[in-house]
Amino acid sequence: MAQEKFERFDLETQTKNIERIEFTEILKDTRPIIFDTNFLFVTFEFKIDILYEIERLIGNKHTFYIYEGTISELLNIEKKGAKNKKFLPLIVTMLQKYGFKIIKSKQKYIDDQLIENLNQKVLIATNDKELRHKIWDASHKVIYMRQTSYLEIK
């Protein structure tokens, strides 16, 4: 019987070919949505069909984004061996399948980057309660999970 070879999952290699763009480029899209790191895990941790839910909320004209710092945060999760590490291969598949683009950024802390670049045209997807309130205080909309079963926009 032939032995199968399994390649070790490497997040950095898997995300290397995802398109990187400047923040100003996303403003050309009809409905840009930037995912916070924790929101990437919602899909798999709570088994929510993110694409269905987002289309239910805003229709199908949208483009998904993450910041480069999100990749750094995912790499830290990979290195630390955190409990959510098991979702990383699924997240990378989601990034590739749904055509996510990576916004170039020098900041490592994503929340600061999200607040710094708030724009009325851009939706932020996050489950971080503190971040949501900061965004709402700045009169912007947020997509977030409700009752661990569906998404809401407010």
Protein backbone atom coordinates (compact mmCIF):
# COMPACT_ATOMS: atom_id res chain seq x y z
CA MET A 1 0.00 0.00 0.00
CA ALA A 2 1.42 3.40 -1.00
CA GLN A 3 1.84 5.92 1.74
CA GLU A 4 0.14 9.25 1.28
CA LYS A 5 2.17 12.39 1.85
CA PHE A 6 0.55 15.14 3.84
CA GLU A 7 1.98 18.61 3.61
CA ARG A 8 2.16 20.62 6.79
CA PHE A 9 -0.21 23.59 6.70
CA ASP A 10 1.67 26.88 6.45
CA LEU A 11 -0.49 29.98 6.71
CA GLU A 12 2.15 32.35 5.34
CA THR A 13 2.65 30.26 2.20
CA GLN A 14 -1.08 29.75 1.74
CA THR A 15 -1.83 33.49 1.84
CA LYS A 16 1.16 34.68 -0.20
CA ASN A 17 -0.78 34.81 -3.49
CA ILE A 18 -3.77 36.78 -2.22
CA GLU A 19 -3.88 40.20 -3.88
CA ARG A 20 -2.58 43.11 -1.79
CA ILE A 21 -3.92 46.61 -2.38
CA GLU A 22 -3.85 50.09 -0.88
CA PHE A 23 -6.79 51.22 1.26
CA THR A 24 -7.77 53.88 -1.29
CA GLU A 25 -8.40 51.12 -3.85
CA ILE A 26 -11.22 49.58 -1.81
CA LEU A 27 -13.21 52.81 -2.05
CA LYS A 28 -13.73 52.07 -5.76
CA ASP A 29 -15.78 48.97 -4.91
CA THR A 30 -19.56 49.05 -4.66
CA ARG A 31 -19.73 47.68 -1.12
CA PRO A 32 -16.39 46.94 0.57
CA ILE A 33 -16.52 44.89 3.78
CA ILE A 34 -13.45 44.63 6.01
CA PHE A 35 -13.33 41.61 8.30
CA ASP A 36 -11.75 41.89 11.74
CA THR A 37 -9.66 38.87 12.73
CA ASN A 38 -12.21 37.48 15.18
CA PHE A 39 -14.95 37.65 12.56
CA LEU A 40 -13.08 35.18 10.35
CA PHE A 41 -13.52 32.57 13.07
CA VAL A 42 -17.30 33.13 13.43
CA THR A 43 -18.06 31.15 10.29
CA PHE A 44 -16.46 27.99 11.57
CA GLU A 45 -16.81 28.29 15.33
CA PHE A 46 -20.57 28.89 15.16
CA LYS A 47 -21.23 27.29 11.75
CA ILE A 48 -22.72 30.41 10.21
CA ASP A 49 -22.98 30.71 6.45
CA ILE A 50 -21.30 34.13 6.22
CA LEU A 51 -21.89 34.56 2.50
CA TYR A 52 -25.61 33.78 2.79
CA GLU A 53 -25.99 36.06 5.82
CA ILE A 54 -24.16 39.00 4.23
CA GLU A 55 -26.17 38.65 1.02
CA ARG A 56 -29.35 38.54 3.13
CA LEU A 57 -28.32 41.82 4.77
CA ILE A 58 -26.90 43.85 1.87
CA GLY A 59 -27.31 41.90 -1.37
CA ASN A 60 -24.64 40.29 -3.52
CA LYS A 61 -22.64 43.34 -4.63
CA HIS A 62 -19.77 43.34 -2.16
CA THR A 63 -16.05 42.69 -1.91
CA PHE A 64 -14.31 41.22 1.14
CA TYR A 65 -11.10 42.56 2.64
CA ILE A 66 -8.75 42.00 5.53
CA TYR A 67 -5.74 44.03 6.65
CA GLU A 68 -2.20 42.69 6.45
CA GLY A 69 -2.19 42.84 10.24
CA THR A 70 -4.93 40.23 10.23
CA ILE A 71 -2.50 37.84 8.57
CA SER A 72 -0.01 38.66 11.34
CA GLU A 73 -2.65 37.93 13.98
CA LEU A 74 -3.49 34.62 12.28
CA LEU A 75 0.22 33.75 12.18
CA ASN A 76 0.41 34.39 15.93
CA ILE A 77 -2.52 32.05 16.48
CA GLU A 78 -0.76 29.46 14.33
CA LYS A 79 2.49 29.79 16.34
CA LYS A 80 0.86 29.85 19.77
CA GLY A 81 -1.25 26.80 19.06
CA ALA A 82 -4.40 28.51 20.33
CA LYS A 83 -7.63 26.51 20.43
CA ASN A 84 -8.88 28.22 17.25
CA LYS A 85 -5.78 27.12 15.33
CA LYS A 86 -7.78 24.23 13.88
CA PHE A 87 -9.86 26.74 11.88
CA LEU A 88 -6.88 28.32 10.07
CA PRO A 89 -6.94 26.01 7.01
CA LEU A 90 -10.68 26.67 6.66
CA ILE A 91 -10.16 30.42 6.98
CA VAL A 92 -7.48 30.40 4.27
CA THR A 93 -9.82 28.42 2.00
CA MET A 94 -12.55 30.99 2.68
CA LEU A 95 -10.17 33.88 1.88
CA GLN A 96 -9.30 32.26 -1.44
CA LYS A 97 -12.77 31.04 -2.38
CA TYR A 98 -14.55 34.33 -1.64
CA GLY A 99 -11.89 36.46 -3.31
CA PHE A 100 -10.72 38.37 -0.24
CA LYS A 101 -8.12 41.05 -0.88
CA ILE A 102 -5.51 42.16 1.63
CA ILE A 103 -5.19 45.85 2.45
CA LYS A 104 -1.57 46.90 2.83
CA SER A 105 -0.82 48.22 6.28
CA LYS A 106 2.11 48.92 8.52
CA GLN A 107 0.08 48.74 11.73
CA LYS A 108 0.07 45.48 13.63
CA TYR A 109 -2.99 46.23 15.79
CA ILE A 110 -6.01 45.83 13.55
CA ASP A 111 -8.54 47.67 15.73
CA ASP A 112 -6.51 50.88 15.44
CA GLN A 113 -6.30 50.46 11.67
CA LEU A 114 -10.05 49.88 11.38
CA ILE A 115 -10.84 53.01 13.42
CA GLU A 116 -8.24 55.11 11.60
CA ASN A 117 -9.68 54.29 8.16
CA LEU A 118 -13.40 54.49 8.89
CA ASN A 119 -15.31 55.53 5.80
CA GLN A 120 -19.08 55.73 5.25
CA LYS A 121 -18.75 53.51 2.20
CA VAL A 122 -16.96 50.70 4.07
CA LEU A 123 -18.68 48.18 6.33
CA ILE A 124 -16.72 46.62 9.18
CA ALA A 125 -17.45 43.01 10.18
CA THR A 126 -16.46 42.31 13.78
CA ASN A 127 -17.66 40.54 16.89
CA ASP A 128 -15.41 42.58 19.17
CA LYS A 129 -17.86 44.40 21.45
CA GLU A 130 -15.49 47.25 22.36
CA LEU A 131 -14.55 47.82 18.70
CA ARG A 132 -18.22 47.78 17.64
CA HIS A 133 -19.03 50.53 20.13
CA LYS A 134 -16.11 52.67 18.94
CA ILE A 135 -17.32 52.29 15.35
CA TRP A 136 -20.93 53.06 16.30
CA ASP A 137 -19.76 56.10 18.29
CA ALA A 138 -18.19 57.34 15.04
CA SER A 139 -21.60 56.84 13.31
CA HIS A 140 -20.55 53.92 11.12
CA LYS A 141 -22.23 50.58 10.50
CA VAL A 142 -21.02 47.19 11.68
CA ILE A 143 -21.89 43.64 10.68
CA TYR A 144 -21.83 41.38 13.73
CA MET A 145 -23.13 38.05 14.99
CA ARG A 146 -26.35 37.83 17.01
CA GLN A 147 -27.35 34.93 19.23
CA THR A 148 -24.54 32.80 17.75
CA SER A 149 -26.77 31.99 14.80
CA TYR A 150 -27.15 34.90 12.37
CA LEU A 151 -25.64 38.24 11.37
CA GLU A 152 -27.03 41.70 11.90
CA ILE A 153 -26.05 45.12 10.61
CA LYS A 154 -26.34 48.22 12.75
